[in-house]
Amino acid sequence: MKKQFRQAFNKLQKMGVPVFERSDEPGRFLISAERAESYLWVDSYNCSMRRFGGETVHPEITDVLSDNGLYAEWENAGCLIVYEA
């Protein structure tokens, strides 16, 4: 995993964000929307508009990714995949 991905992965993991290394795309990682604690960080259906200020991803995740030159997009309703910006 490239340094920027590793740094973001480690920081998010320490925050309690459910992150997983991709087995099908080495060097990238996922943010799960299906773990028990996922509702604290992501909401693929934006069920609670007030939770993240109308966004589907907690702003702290966005900040960590941005600080490392990364961003995340929904791969499907179950996870976000992280890419280089």
N, C-alpha and C. Protein backbone atom coordinates (compact mmCIF):
# COMPACT_ATOMS: atom_id res chain seq x y z
N MET A 1 0.85 -1.17 0.00
CA MET A 1 0.00 0.00 0.00
C MET A 1 0.90 1.24 0.00
N LYS A 2 0.59 2.19 -0.87
CA LYS A 2 1.36 3.43 -0.91
C LYS A 2 1.26 4.15 0.43
N LYS A 3 2.26 4.98 0.69
CA LYS A 3 2.36 5.68 1.97
C LYS A 3 1.08 6.45 2.30
N GLN A 4 0.54 7.19 1.34
CA GLN A 4 -0.64 8.02 1.62
C GLN A 4 -1.85 7.15 1.96
N PHE A 5 -1.98 6.00 1.30
CA PHE A 5 -3.07 5.09 1.61
C PHE A 5 -2.87 4.49 3.00
N ARG A 6 -1.65 4.07 3.30
CA ARG A 6 -1.35 3.46 4.60
C ARG A 6 -1.59 4.46 5.73
N GLN A 7 -1.16 5.71 5.55
CA GLN A 7 -1.37 6.72 6.59
C GLN A 7 -2.85 6.94 6.85
N ALA A 8 -3.63 7.09 5.80
CA ALA A 8 -5.07 7.30 5.95
C ALA A 8 -5.73 6.07 6.56
N PHE A 9 -5.36 4.89 6.09
CA PHE A 9 -5.91 3.64 6.62
C PHE A 9 -5.68 3.54 8.12
N ASN A 10 -4.44 3.76 8.55
CA ASN A 10 -4.10 3.67 9.97
C ASN A 10 -4.84 4.70 10.80
N LYS A 11 -4.92 5.92 10.31
CA LYS A 11 -5.62 6.99 11.04
C LYS A 11 -7.11 6.65 11.19
N LEU A 12 -7.74 6.24 10.10
CA LEU A 12 -9.16 5.89 10.15
C LEU A 12 -9.40 4.69 11.06
N GLN A 13 -8.52 3.72 11.00
CA GLN A 13 -8.65 2.54 11.85
C GLN A 13 -8.58 2.93 13.33
N LYS A 14 -7.66 3.82 13.67
CA LYS A 14 -7.53 4.29 15.06
C LYS A 14 -8.77 5.06 15.51
N MET A 15 -9.43 5.72 14.56
CA MET A 15 -10.66 6.46 14.88
C MET A 15 -11.85 5.52 15.09
N GLY A 16 -11.72 4.26 14.66
CA GLY A 16 -12.80 3.31 14.78
C GLY A 16 -13.60 3.10 13.52
N VAL A 17 -13.14 3.70 12.42
CA VAL A 17 -13.82 3.54 11.13
C VAL A 17 -13.56 2.12 10.63
N PRO A 18 -14.59 1.41 10.17
CA PRO A 18 -14.40 0.04 9.69
C PRO A 18 -13.75 0.00 8.31
N VAL A 19 -12.42 -0.12 8.28
CA VAL A 19 -11.66 -0.14 7.03
C VAL A 19 -11.09 -1.53 6.79
N PHE A 20 -10.96 -1.88 5.51
CA PHE A 20 -10.43 -3.18 5.10
C PHE A 20 -9.56 -3.02 3.88
N GLU A 21 -8.44 -3.74 3.86
CA GLU A 21 -7.60 -3.75 2.66
C GLU A 21 -8.32 -4.54 1.58
N ARG A 22 -8.21 -4.08 0.35
CA ARG A 22 -8.82 -4.78 -0.79
C ARG A 22 -7.95 -5.96 -1.17
N SER A 23 -8.58 -7.10 -1.40
CA SER A 23 -7.83 -8.26 -1.87
C SER A 23 -7.79 -8.29 -3.40
N ASP A 24 -8.80 -7.68 -4.02
CA ASP A 24 -8.87 -7.70 -5.49
C ASP A 24 -8.14 -6.54 -6.14
N GLU A 25 -7.82 -5.51 -5.39
CA GLU A 25 -7.07 -4.36 -5.90
C GLU A 25 -6.02 -3.99 -4.86
N PRO A 26 -4.89 -4.68 -4.86
CA PRO A 26 -3.85 -4.40 -3.88
C PRO A 26 -3.45 -2.92 -3.87
N GLY A 27 -3.24 -2.40 -2.68
CA GLY A 27 -2.84 -1.00 -2.55
C GLY A 27 -3.99 -0.07 -2.25
N ARG A 28 -5.22 -0.57 -2.32
CA ARG A 28 -6.38 0.25 -2.00
C ARG A 28 -7.10 -0.34 -0.80
N PHE A 29 -7.99 0.48 -0.22
CA PHE A 29 -8.79 -0.05 0.88
C PHE A 29 -10.23 0.40 0.78
N LEU A 30 -11.06 -0.29 1.54
CA LEU A 30 -12.50 -0.03 1.57
C LEU A 30 -12.91 0.51 2.92
N ILE A 31 -14.02 1.22 2.93
CA ILE A 31 -14.68 1.63 4.16
C ILE A 31 -16.04 0.94 4.15
N SER A 32 -16.28 0.10 5.13
CA SER A 32 -17.49 -0.71 5.16
C SER A 32 -18.71 0.08 5.63
N ALA A 33 -19.83 -0.19 4.99
CA ALA A 33 -21.12 0.37 5.42
C ALA A 33 -21.99 -0.73 6.01
N GLU A 34 -21.39 -1.92 6.22
CA GLU A 34 -22.16 -3.07 6.66
C GLU A 34 -21.79 -3.59 8.04
N ARG A 35 -20.79 -3.03 8.67
CA ARG A 35 -20.40 -3.45 10.01
C ARG A 35 -21.34 -2.82 11.03
N ALA A 36 -21.39 -3.38 12.21
CA ALA A 36 -22.28 -2.88 13.26
C ALA A 36 -22.01 -1.40 13.58
N GLU A 37 -20.76 -0.99 13.54
CA GLU A 37 -20.39 0.38 13.89
C GLU A 37 -20.41 1.33 12.69
N SER A 38 -20.71 0.83 11.52
CA SER A 38 -20.68 1.65 10.30
C SER A 38 -21.60 2.85 10.34
N TYR A 39 -22.75 2.71 11.00
CA TYR A 39 -23.72 3.81 11.03
C TYR A 39 -23.13 5.07 11.65
N LEU A 40 -22.09 4.93 12.44
CA LEU A 40 -21.44 6.10 13.04
C LEU A 40 -20.64 6.90 12.02
N TRP A 41 -20.30 6.26 10.91
CA TRP A 41 -19.37 6.87 9.95
C TRP A 41 -19.93 7.07 8.55
N VAL A 42 -20.78 6.16 8.09
CA VAL A 42 -21.31 6.25 6.73
C VAL A 42 -22.79 5.86 6.71
N ASP A 43 -23.50 6.38 5.73
CA ASP A 43 -24.93 6.09 5.58
C ASP A 43 -25.25 6.11 4.09
N SER A 44 -25.17 4.96 3.45
CA SER A 44 -25.30 4.91 1.99
C SER A 44 -26.64 5.40 1.49
N TYR A 45 -27.67 5.29 2.30
CA TYR A 45 -28.99 5.72 1.87
C TYR A 45 -29.36 7.11 2.39
N ASN A 46 -28.44 7.73 3.14
CA ASN A 46 -28.66 9.06 3.68
C ASN A 46 -30.00 9.12 4.43
N CYS A 47 -30.23 8.09 5.25
CA CYS A 47 -31.49 7.99 5.99
C CYS A 47 -31.67 9.11 7.01
N SER A 48 -30.59 9.52 7.60
CA SER A 48 -30.67 10.59 8.59
C SER A 48 -29.90 11.80 8.06
N MET A 49 -30.59 12.66 7.36
CA MET A 49 -29.95 13.82 6.72
C MET A 49 -29.16 14.67 7.72
N ARG A 50 -29.58 14.67 8.96
CA ARG A 50 -28.90 15.50 9.96
C ARG A 50 -27.61 14.87 10.46
N ARG A 51 -27.45 13.56 10.27
CA ARG A 51 -26.31 12.86 10.86
C ARG A 51 -24.97 13.45 10.42
N PHE A 52 -24.77 13.63 9.14
CA PHE A 52 -23.49 14.13 8.63
C PHE A 52 -23.67 15.43 7.85
N GLY A 53 -24.59 16.24 8.26
CA GLY A 53 -24.83 17.51 7.58
C GLY A 53 -25.36 17.33 6.17
N GLY A 54 -26.14 16.29 5.96
CA GLY A 54 -26.72 16.04 4.65
C GLY A 54 -25.86 15.19 3.73
N GLU A 55 -24.67 14.82 4.18
CA GLU A 55 -23.77 13.97 3.38
C GLU A 55 -23.90 12.52 3.79
N THR A 56 -23.38 11.61 2.99
CA THR A 56 -23.46 10.19 3.31
C THR A 56 -22.20 9.67 4.02
N VAL A 57 -21.19 10.53 4.15
CA VAL A 57 -19.93 10.15 4.80
C VAL A 57 -19.60 11.18 5.88
N HIS A 58 -19.20 10.69 7.03
CA HIS A 58 -18.82 11.57 8.14
C HIS A 58 -17.70 12.50 7.68
N PRO A 59 -17.78 13.79 7.99
CA PRO A 59 -16.76 14.74 7.53
C PRO A 59 -15.35 14.44 8.01
N GLU A 60 -15.21 13.76 9.15
CA GLU A 60 -13.86 13.41 9.62
C GLU A 60 -13.18 12.44 8.66
N ILE A 61 -13.95 11.54 8.06
CA ILE A 61 -13.38 10.62 7.07
C ILE A 61 -12.90 11.42 5.87
N THR A 62 -13.74 12.31 5.39
CA THR A 62 -13.40 13.14 4.24
C THR A 62 -12.14 13.95 4.51
N ASP A 63 -12.02 14.49 5.71
CA ASP A 63 -10.84 15.29 6.08
C ASP A 63 -9.56 14.45 6.07
N VAL A 64 -9.62 13.26 6.67
CA VAL A 64 -8.44 12.39 6.70
C VAL A 64 -8.02 12.01 5.29
N LEU A 65 -8.98 11.65 4.47
CA LEU A 65 -8.66 11.28 3.10
C LEU A 65 -8.07 12.46 2.33
N SER A 66 -8.70 13.61 2.44
CA SER A 66 -8.24 14.81 1.75
C SER A 66 -6.82 15.19 2.18
N ASP A 67 -6.54 15.09 3.48
CA ASP A 67 -5.20 15.42 3.99
C ASP A 67 -4.12 14.52 3.40
N ASN A 68 -4.54 13.36 2.90
CA ASN A 68 -3.59 12.40 2.32
C ASN A 68 -3.71 12.30 0.80
N GLY A 69 -4.41 13.26 0.19
CA GLY A 69 -4.54 13.28 -1.26
C GLY A 69 -5.42 12.17 -1.81
N LEU A 70 -6.44 11.80 -1.03
CA LEU A 70 -7.34 10.72 -1.40
C LEU A 70 -8.79 11.17 -1.36
N TYR A 71 -9.66 10.35 -1.91
CA TYR A 71 -11.10 10.57 -1.79
C TYR A 71 -11.79 9.21 -1.86
N ALA A 72 -13.05 9.16 -1.47
CA ALA A 72 -13.80 7.90 -1.49
C ALA A 72 -15.08 8.07 -2.29
N GLU A 73 -15.45 6.99 -2.96
CA GLU A 73 -16.71 6.94 -3.70
C GLU A 73 -17.42 5.66 -3.33
N TRP A 74 -18.74 5.70 -3.38
CA TRP A 74 -19.51 4.50 -3.12
C TRP A 74 -19.27 3.50 -4.24
N GLU A 75 -18.80 2.31 -3.88
CA GLU A 75 -18.65 1.23 -4.86
C GLU A 75 -20.01 0.53 -5.02
N ASN A 76 -20.69 0.38 -3.91
CA ASN A 76 -22.05 -0.16 -3.86
C ASN A 76 -22.62 0.27 -2.51
N ALA A 77 -23.81 -0.16 -2.17
CA ALA A 77 -24.43 0.27 -0.92
C ALA A 77 -23.71 -0.27 0.31
N GLY A 78 -22.80 -1.21 0.13
CA GLY A 78 -22.11 -1.82 1.25
C GLY A 78 -20.74 -1.27 1.57
N CYS A 79 -20.15 -0.47 0.65
CA CYS A 79 -18.80 0.03 0.94
C CYS A 79 -18.41 1.20 0.04
N LEU A 80 -17.44 1.92 0.54
CA LEU A 80 -16.78 2.98 -0.22
C LEU A 80 -15.40 2.47 -0.59
N ILE A 81 -14.92 2.85 -1.76
CA ILE A 81 -13.56 2.52 -2.16
C ILE A 81 -12.77 3.83 -2.20
N VAL A 82 -11.52 3.74 -1.76
CA VAL A 82 -10.68 4.93 -1.66
C VAL A 82 -9.74 4.99 -2.86
N TYR A 83 -9.63 6.18 -3.43
CA TYR A 83 -8.81 6.44 -4.61
C TYR A 83 -7.87 7.62 -4.37
N GLU A 84 -6.84 7.72 -5.22
CA GLU A 84 -5.99 8.91 -5.22
C GLU A 84 -6.77 10.06 -5.86
N ALA A 85 -6.62 11.24 -5.30
CA ALA A 85 -7.29 12.42 -5.85
C ALA A 85 -6.60 12.89 -7.11
